[in-house]
C-alpha atoms as a PDB file:
ATOM      1  CA  UNK A   1      25.956   8.577  13.732  1.00  0.00           C
ATOM      2  CA  UNK A   2      23.058   9.331  11.446  1.00  0.00           C
ATOM      3  CA  UNK A   3      22.372   5.714  10.498  1.00  0.00           C
ATOM      4  CA  UNK A   4      19.839   3.315  11.973  1.00  0.00           C
ATOM      5  CA  UNK A   5      19.294  -0.264  10.776  1.00  0.00           C
ATOM      6  CA  UNK A   6      16.545  -2.499  12.076  1.00  0.00           C
ATOM      7  CA  UNK A   7      14.637  -5.729  11.564  1.00  0.00           C
ATOM      8  CA  UNK A   8      10.959  -6.128  12.381  1.00  0.00           C
ATOM      9  CA  UNK A   9       8.457  -8.961  12.608  1.00  0.00           C
ATOM     10  CA  UNK A  10       4.837  -8.161  13.380  1.00  0.00           C
ATOM     11  CA  UNK A  11       1.539 -10.017  13.208  1.00  0.00           C
ATOM     12  CA  UNK A  12      -2.009  -8.866  12.585  1.00  0.00           C
ATOM     13  CA  UNK A  13      -5.370 -10.551  12.088  1.00  0.00           C
ATOM     14  CA  UNK A  14      -9.048  -9.985  11.414  1.00  0.00           C
ATOM     15  CA  UNK A  15     -11.702 -11.508  13.646  1.00  0.00           C
ATOM     16  CA  UNK A  16     -13.764 -14.390  12.364  1.00  0.00           C
ATOM     17  CA  UNK A  17     -17.547 -14.342  12.163  1.00  0.00           C
ATOM     18  CA  UNK A  18     -20.720 -16.305  11.574  1.00  0.00           C
ATOM     19  CA  UNK A  19     -22.776 -17.244   8.525  1.00  0.00           C
ATOM     20  CA  UNK A  20     -26.548 -17.048   8.374  1.00  0.00           C
ATOM     21  CA  UNK A  21     -27.497 -20.680   8.075  1.00  0.00           C
ATOM     22  CA  UNK A  22     -31.288 -20.802   8.113  1.00  0.00           C
ATOM     23  CA  UNK A  23     -32.361 -23.979   6.309  1.00  0.00           C
ATOM     24  CA  UNK A  24     -29.179 -24.000   4.185  1.00  0.00           C
ATOM     25  CA  UNK A  25     -26.418 -26.385   5.248  1.00  0.00           C
ATOM     26  CA  UNK A  26     -23.410 -24.039   5.236  1.00  0.00           C
ATOM     27  CA  UNK A  27     -20.633 -23.775   7.848  1.00  0.00           C
ATOM     28  CA  UNK A  28     -21.733 -21.977  10.982  1.00  0.00           C
ATOM     29  CA  UNK A  29     -18.858 -19.519  10.763  1.00  0.00           C
ATOM     30  CA  UNK A  30     -15.375 -18.664   9.550  1.00  0.00           C
ATOM     31  CA  UNK A  31     -12.086 -18.237  11.399  1.00  0.00           C
ATOM     32  CA  UNK A  32      -9.757 -15.265  11.675  1.00  0.00           C
ATOM     33  CA  UNK A  33      -7.117 -14.814   9.003  1.00  0.00           C
ATOM     34  CA  UNK A  34      -3.592 -13.694   9.891  1.00  0.00           C
ATOM     35  CA  UNK A  35      -0.758 -11.675   8.420  1.00  0.00           C
ATOM     36  CA  UNK A  36       2.936 -11.833   9.324  1.00  0.00           C
ATOM     37  CA  UNK A  37       4.994  -8.852   8.198  1.00  0.00           C
ATOM     38  CA  UNK A  38       8.811  -9.019   8.044  1.00  0.00           C
ATOM     39  CA  UNK A  39      10.984  -5.955   7.384  1.00  0.00           C
ATOM     40  CA  UNK A  40      14.650  -5.043   6.987  1.00  0.00           C
ATOM     41  CA  UNK A  41      15.177  -1.294   6.870  1.00  0.00           C
ATOM     42  CA  UNK A  42      17.626   1.573   7.091  1.00  0.00           C
ATOM     43  CA  UNK A  43      17.087   5.211   8.099  1.00  0.00           C
ATOM     44  CA  UNK A  44      20.030   7.443   7.223  1.00  0.00           C
ATOM     45  CA  UNK A  45      20.969  11.121   7.490  1.00  0.00           C
ATOM     46  CA  UNK A  46      23.607  12.991   5.490  1.00  0.00           C
ATOM     47  CA  UNK A  47      24.818  16.545   4.820  1.00  0.00           C
ATOM     48  CA  UNK A  48      24.417  17.675   8.452  1.00  0.00           C
ATOM     49  CA  UNK A  49      20.766  16.734   8.476  1.00  0.00           C
ATOM     50  CA  UNK A  50      19.888  18.199   5.072  1.00  0.00           C
ATOM     51  CA  UNK A  51      19.423  14.800   3.391  1.00  0.00           C
ATOM     52  CA  UNK A  52      17.380  11.828   4.642  1.00  0.00           C
ATOM     53  CA  UNK A  53      17.357   8.479   2.833  1.00  0.00           C
ATOM     54  CA  UNK A  54      15.143   5.653   4.124  1.00  0.00           C
ATOM     55  CA  UNK A  55      14.817   2.215   2.526  1.00  0.00           C
ATOM     56  CA  UNK A  56      12.772  -0.851   3.464  1.00  0.00           C
ATOM     57  CA  UNK A  57      12.548  -4.393   2.114  1.00  0.00           C
ATOM     58  CA  UNK A  58       9.531  -6.340   3.324  1.00  0.00           C
ATOM     59  CA  UNK A  59       7.614  -9.585   2.932  1.00  0.00           C
ATOM     60  CA  UNK A  60       4.029 -10.243   4.008  1.00  0.00           C
ATOM     61  CA  UNK A  61       2.563 -13.749   4.505  1.00  0.00           C
ATOM     62  CA  UNK A  62      -1.248 -13.887   4.531  1.00  0.00           C
ATOM     63  CA  UNK A  63      -2.829 -17.162   5.700  1.00  0.00           C
ATOM     64  CA  UNK A  64      -6.397 -18.509   5.916  1.00  0.00           C
ATOM     65  CA  UNK A  65      -7.805 -15.665   3.833  1.00  0.00           C
ATOM     66  CA  UNK A  66     -11.439 -14.809   4.495  1.00  0.00           C
ATOM     67  CA  UNK A  67     -13.217 -15.305   1.162  1.00  0.00           C
ATOM     68  CA  UNK A  68     -16.700 -15.200  -0.291  1.00  0.00           C
ATOM     69  CA  UNK A  69     -17.190 -18.574  -1.945  1.00  0.00           C
ATOM     70  CA  UNK A  70     -19.513 -21.518  -2.415  1.00  0.00           C
ATOM     71  CA  UNK A  71     -19.776 -25.060  -1.172  1.00  0.00           C
ATOM     72  CA  UNK A  72     -18.173 -27.756  -3.411  1.00  0.00           C
ATOM     73  CA  UNK A  73     -21.502 -28.336  -5.191  1.00  0.00           C
ATOM     74  CA  UNK A  74     -21.741 -24.656  -6.124  1.00  0.00           C
ATOM     75  CA  UNK A  75     -25.255 -24.401  -4.702  1.00  0.00           C
ATOM     76  CA  UNK A  76     -24.778 -22.163  -1.641  1.00  0.00           C
ATOM     77  CA  UNK A  77     -22.688 -19.053  -1.015  1.00  0.00           C
ATOM     78  CA  UNK A  78     -21.086 -18.136   2.303  1.00  0.00           C
ATOM     79  CA  UNK A  79     -17.906 -16.795   3.914  1.00  0.00           C
ATOM     80  CA  UNK A  80     -15.044 -19.167   4.642  1.00  0.00           C
ATOM     81  CA  UNK A  81     -11.269 -19.484   4.922  1.00  0.00           C
ATOM     82  CA  UNK A  82      -9.236 -20.602   1.925  1.00  0.00           C
ATOM     83  CA  UNK A  83      -5.904 -19.917   0.288  1.00  0.00           C
ATOM     84  CA  UNK A  84      -2.822 -17.892   1.166  1.00  0.00           C
ATOM     85  CA  UNK A  85      -0.946 -14.963  -0.369  1.00  0.00           C
ATOM     86  CA  UNK A  86       2.494 -13.379  -0.298  1.00  0.00           C
ATOM     87  CA  UNK A  87       3.627  -9.819  -0.953  1.00  0.00           C
ATOM     88  CA  UNK A  88       7.264  -8.842  -1.428  1.00  0.00           C
ATOM     89  CA  UNK A  89       8.267  -5.220  -1.783  1.00  0.00           C
ATOM     90  CA  UNK A  90      10.802  -2.438  -1.622  1.00  0.00           C
ATOM     91  CA  UNK A  91      10.186   1.142  -0.499  1.00  0.00           C
ATOM     92  CA  UNK A  92      12.475   4.160  -0.861  1.00  0.00           C
ATOM     93  CA  UNK A  93      12.066   7.641   0.587  1.00  0.00           C
ATOM     94  CA  UNK A  94      14.349  10.648   0.053  1.00  0.00           C
ATOM     95  CA  UNK A  95      13.940  14.077   1.670  1.00  0.00           C
ATOM     96  CA  UNK A  96      16.422  16.881   1.102  1.00  0.00           C
ATOM     97  CA  UNK A  97      16.951  20.564   1.792  1.00  0.00           C
ATOM     98  CA  UNK A  98      20.034  21.397  -0.296  1.00  0.00           C
ATOM     99  CA  UNK A  99      19.595  25.125   0.419  1.00  0.00           C
ATOM    100  CA  UNK A 100      17.562  27.119   2.931  1.00  0.00           C
ATOM    101  CA  UNK A 101      15.178  28.079   0.130  1.00  0.00           C
ATOM    102  CA  UNK A 102      14.745  24.790  -1.742  1.00  0.00           C
ATOM    103  CA  UNK A 103      13.368  21.443  -0.506  1.00  0.00           C
ATOM    104  CA  UNK A 104      12.329  18.284  -2.319  1.00  0.00           C
ATOM    105  CA  UNK A 105      11.243  14.721  -1.595  1.00  0.00           C
ATOM    106  CA  UNK A 106      11.033  11.518  -3.611  1.00  0.00           C
ATOM    107  CA  UNK A 107       9.309   8.243  -2.835  1.00  0.00           C
ATOM    108  CA  UNK A 108       8.679   4.933  -4.571  1.00  0.00           C
ATOM    109  CA  UNK A 109       7.213   1.527  -3.807  1.00  0.00           C
ATOM    110  CA  UNK A 110       7.788  -1.619  -5.899  1.00  0.00           C
ATOM    111  CA  UNK A 111       5.943  -4.906  -5.335  1.00  0.00           C
ATOM    112  CA  UNK A 112       7.468  -7.572  -7.608  1.00  0.00           C
ATOM    113  CA  UNK A 113       5.302 -10.252  -5.930  1.00  0.00           C
ATOM    114  CA  UNK A 114       1.717  -9.739  -4.781  1.00  0.00           C
ATOM    115  CA  UNK A 115      -0.124 -12.981  -5.477  1.00  0.00           C
ATOM    116  CA  UNK A 116      -1.876 -16.037  -4.107  1.00  0.00           C
ATOM    117  CA  UNK A 117       0.412 -18.882  -3.120  1.00  0.00           C
ATOM    118  CA  UNK A 118      -2.419 -21.442  -2.712  1.00  0.00           C
ATOM    119  CA  UNK A 119      -5.694 -22.141  -4.503  1.00  0.00           C
ATOM    120  CA  UNK A 120      -8.752 -20.833  -2.670  1.00  0.00           C
ATOM    121  CA  UNK A 121     -10.238 -24.304  -2.376  1.00  0.00           C
ATOM    122  CA  UNK A 122     -10.883 -26.461   0.703  1.00  0.00           C
ATOM    123  CA  UNK A 123     -13.227 -29.329   1.521  1.00  0.00           C
ATOM    124  CA  UNK A 124     -15.813 -26.716   2.627  1.00  0.00           C
ATOM    125  CA  UNK A 125     -15.438 -23.701   0.346  1.00  0.00           C
ATOM    126  CA  UNK A 126     -14.531 -23.000  -3.284  1.00  0.00           C
ATOM    127  CA  UNK A 127     -13.602 -19.407  -4.204  1.00  0.00           C
ATOM    128  CA  UNK A 128     -12.374 -17.942  -7.530  1.00  0.00           C
ATOM    129  CA  UNK A 129      -8.703 -17.347  -6.609  1.00  0.00           C
ATOM    130  CA  UNK A 130      -5.998 -19.720  -7.847  1.00  0.00           C
ATOM    131  CA  UNK A 131      -2.290 -19.925  -7.098  1.00  0.00           C
ATOM    132  CA  UNK A 132      -0.428 -17.202  -8.995  1.00  0.00           C
ATOM    133  CA  UNK A 133      -3.381 -14.790  -9.256  1.00  0.00           C
ATOM    134  CA  UNK A 134      -2.352 -11.212  -8.475  1.00  0.00           C
ATOM    135  CA  UNK A 135      -4.120  -9.517  -5.566  1.00  0.00           C
ATOM    136  CA  UNK A 136      -6.750  -7.024  -6.781  1.00  0.00           C
ATOM    137  CA  UNK A 137      -6.466  -3.228  -6.477  1.00  0.00           C
ATOM    138  CA  UNK A 138      -2.740  -3.411  -5.596  1.00  0.00           C
ATOM    139  CA  UNK A 139      -0.438  -1.799  -8.205  1.00  0.00           C
ATOM    140  CA  UNK A 140       3.068  -3.102  -8.759  1.00  0.00           C
ATOM    141  CA  UNK A 141       4.626   0.373  -8.687  1.00  0.00           C
ATOM    142  CA  UNK A 142       3.790   3.743  -7.143  1.00  0.00           C
ATOM    143  CA  UNK A 143       5.882   6.897  -6.925  1.00  0.00           C
ATOM    144  CA  UNK A 144       5.662  10.477  -5.718  1.00  0.00           C
ATOM    145  CA  UNK A 145       7.755  13.634  -5.775  1.00  0.00           C
ATOM    146  CA  UNK A 146       7.494  17.173  -4.370  1.00  0.00           C
ATOM    147  CA  UNK A 147       9.598  20.299  -4.709  1.00  0.00           C
ATOM    148  CA  UNK A 148       9.204  23.698  -3.034  1.00  0.00           C
ATOM    149  CA  UNK A 149      11.049  27.004  -3.296  1.00  0.00           C
ATOM    150  CA  UNK A 150      10.644  29.777  -0.687  1.00  0.00           C
ATOM    151  CA  UNK A 151      11.854  33.373  -0.763  1.00  0.00           C
ATOM    152  CA  UNK A 152      11.481  36.355   1.561  1.00  0.00           C
ATOM    153  CA  UNK A 153       9.179  39.200   0.596  1.00  0.00           C
ATOM    154  CA  UNK A 154       9.966  42.884   1.214  1.00  0.00           C
ATOM    155  CA  UNK A 155       7.402  42.794   4.018  1.00  0.00           C
ATOM    156  CA  UNK A 156       8.428  41.859   7.551  1.00  0.00           C
ATOM    157  CA  UNK A 157       7.981  38.144   8.397  1.00  0.00           C
ATOM    158  CA  UNK A 158       6.262  37.268   5.085  1.00  0.00           C
ATOM    159  CA  UNK A 159       7.567  34.552   2.754  1.00  0.00           C
ATOM    160  CA  UNK A 160       6.354  33.457  -0.690  1.00  0.00           C
ATOM    161  CA  UNK A 161       6.557  29.919  -2.078  1.00  0.00           C
ATOM    162  CA  UNK A 162       5.899  27.842  -5.179  1.00  0.00           C
ATOM    163  CA  UNK A 163       5.351  24.088  -4.865  1.00  0.00           C
ATOM    164  CA  UNK A 164       4.961  21.244  -7.313  1.00  0.00           C
ATOM    165  CA  UNK A 165       3.648  17.745  -6.481  1.00  0.00           C
ATOM    166  CA  UNK A 166       3.555  14.592  -8.600  1.00  0.00           C
ATOM    167  CA  UNK A 167       2.219  11.103  -7.947  1.00  0.00           C
ATOM    168  CA  UNK A 168       1.963   7.952 -10.041  1.00  0.00           C
ATOM    169  CA  UNK A 169      -0.058   4.790  -9.473  1.00  0.00           C
ATOM    170  CA  UNK A 170       0.458   1.733 -11.635  1.00  0.00           C
ATOM    171  CA  UNK A 171      -2.269  -0.459 -13.115  1.00  0.00           C
ATOM    172  CA  UNK A 172      -4.063  -3.262 -11.281  1.00  0.00           C
ATOM    173  CA  UNK A 173      -7.090  -5.543 -11.659  1.00  0.00           C
ATOM    174  CA  UNK A 174     -10.391  -5.572  -9.780  1.00  0.00           C
ATOM    175  CA  UNK A 175     -10.631  -9.378  -9.462  1.00  0.00           C
ATOM    176  CA  UNK A 176      -8.319 -12.202  -8.407  1.00  0.00           C
ATOM    177  CA  UNK A 177      -9.251 -14.307 -11.424  1.00  0.00           C
ATOM    178  CA  UNK A 178      -8.442 -11.486 -13.849  1.00  0.00           C
ATOM    179  CA  UNK A 179      -8.003 -13.743 -16.889  1.00  0.00           C
ATOM    180  CA  UNK A 180     -10.848 -16.129 -16.063  1.00  0.00           C
ATOM    181  CA  UNK A 181     -13.790 -13.846 -15.324  1.00  0.00           C
ATOM    182  CA  UNK A 182     -15.740 -11.325 -17.346  1.00  0.00           C
ATOM    183  CA  UNK A 183     -16.301  -9.278 -14.181  1.00  0.00           C
ATOM    184  CA  UNK A 184     -12.695  -8.072 -14.011  1.00  0.00           C
ATOM    185  CA  UNK A 185     -12.079  -4.403 -14.685  1.00  0.00           C
ATOM    186  CA  UNK A 186      -8.535  -3.231 -15.286  1.00  0.00           C
ATOM    187  CA  UNK A 187      -7.632  -0.230 -13.147  1.00  0.00           C
ATOM    188  CA  UNK A 188      -5.524   1.877 -15.490  1.00  0.00           C
ATOM    189  CA  UNK A 189      -2.356   3.577 -14.309  1.00  0.00           C
ATOM    190  CA  UNK A 190      -2.576   7.344 -13.767  1.00  0.00           C
ATOM    191  CA  UNK A 191      -0.554  10.445 -12.876  1.00  0.00           C
ATOM    192  CA  UNK A 192      -1.553  13.443 -10.759  1.00  0.00           C
ATOM    193  CA  UNK A 193       0.237  16.801 -10.900  1.00  0.00           C
ATOM    194  CA  UNK A 194      -0.458  19.693  -8.508  1.00  0.00           C
ATOM    195  CA  UNK A 195       1.010  23.195  -8.624  1.00  0.00           C
ATOM    196  CA  UNK A 196       0.596  25.730  -5.833  1.00  0.00           C
ATOM    197  CA  UNK A 197       1.827  29.192  -4.960  1.00  0.00           C
ATOM    198  CA  UNK A 198       1.212  31.333  -1.923  1.00  0.00           C
ATOM    199  CA  UNK A 199       2.574  33.376   0.939  1.00  0.00           C
ATOM    200  CA  UNK A 200       2.846  32.711   4.660  1.00  0.00           C
ATOM    201  CA  UNK A 201       3.831  34.615   7.767  1.00  0.00           C
ATOM    202  CA  UNK A 202       6.679  32.864   9.558  1.00  0.00           C
ATOM    203  CA  UNK A 203       5.979  34.242  13.038  1.00  0.00           C
ATOM    204  CA  UNK A 204       2.274  33.228  13.141  1.00  0.00           C
ATOM    205  CA  UNK A 205       1.962  30.331  10.665  1.00  0.00           C
ATOM    206  CA  UNK A 206      -0.713  32.231   8.725  1.00  0.00           C
ATOM    207  CA  UNK A 207      -0.994  30.939   5.118  1.00  0.00           C
ATOM    208  CA  UNK A 208      -2.561  32.541   2.052  1.00  0.00           C
END
């Protein structure tokens, strides 16, 4: 009781499309790319429902990536399919209400692998990405936390609260070829902290 374990495999894809050829000899179109997602996870409950702990390990395989590249001569640009990528990660989520007045939650995501597993080169298209390049705009680590304390006011059905929220996002790059292009811009890591206080009426849901 209170524990669920599961395995999941799911597939997704994006539709292909066409290129504007005109007088330029580029491929007429590009195919769909596909993603397979594999997960092993657990959802658990403790302390008579006051503590929830969920954990997931996952792996994503991305094939035939739709890329903006050029023909092997470098003369013409178009959309094509080239390369593959893999993402491996762990996610953890904790929610708890140790007392009737105090609640908190914690969450984290870690992606030790988020990179191309093949060069983005075929007989038709050449794109910047090479095997081992990290995927752009995807940080290796993110985290969040919240805590809230409620107490009854000396007015019927009114409750006051204070709440703190924190989130962290790790650094990432804007381009696949981060070390080989001057166009890359490092996305610095950052933290966000929010503090709130207010009152609400428990019988109507009214918040102030």
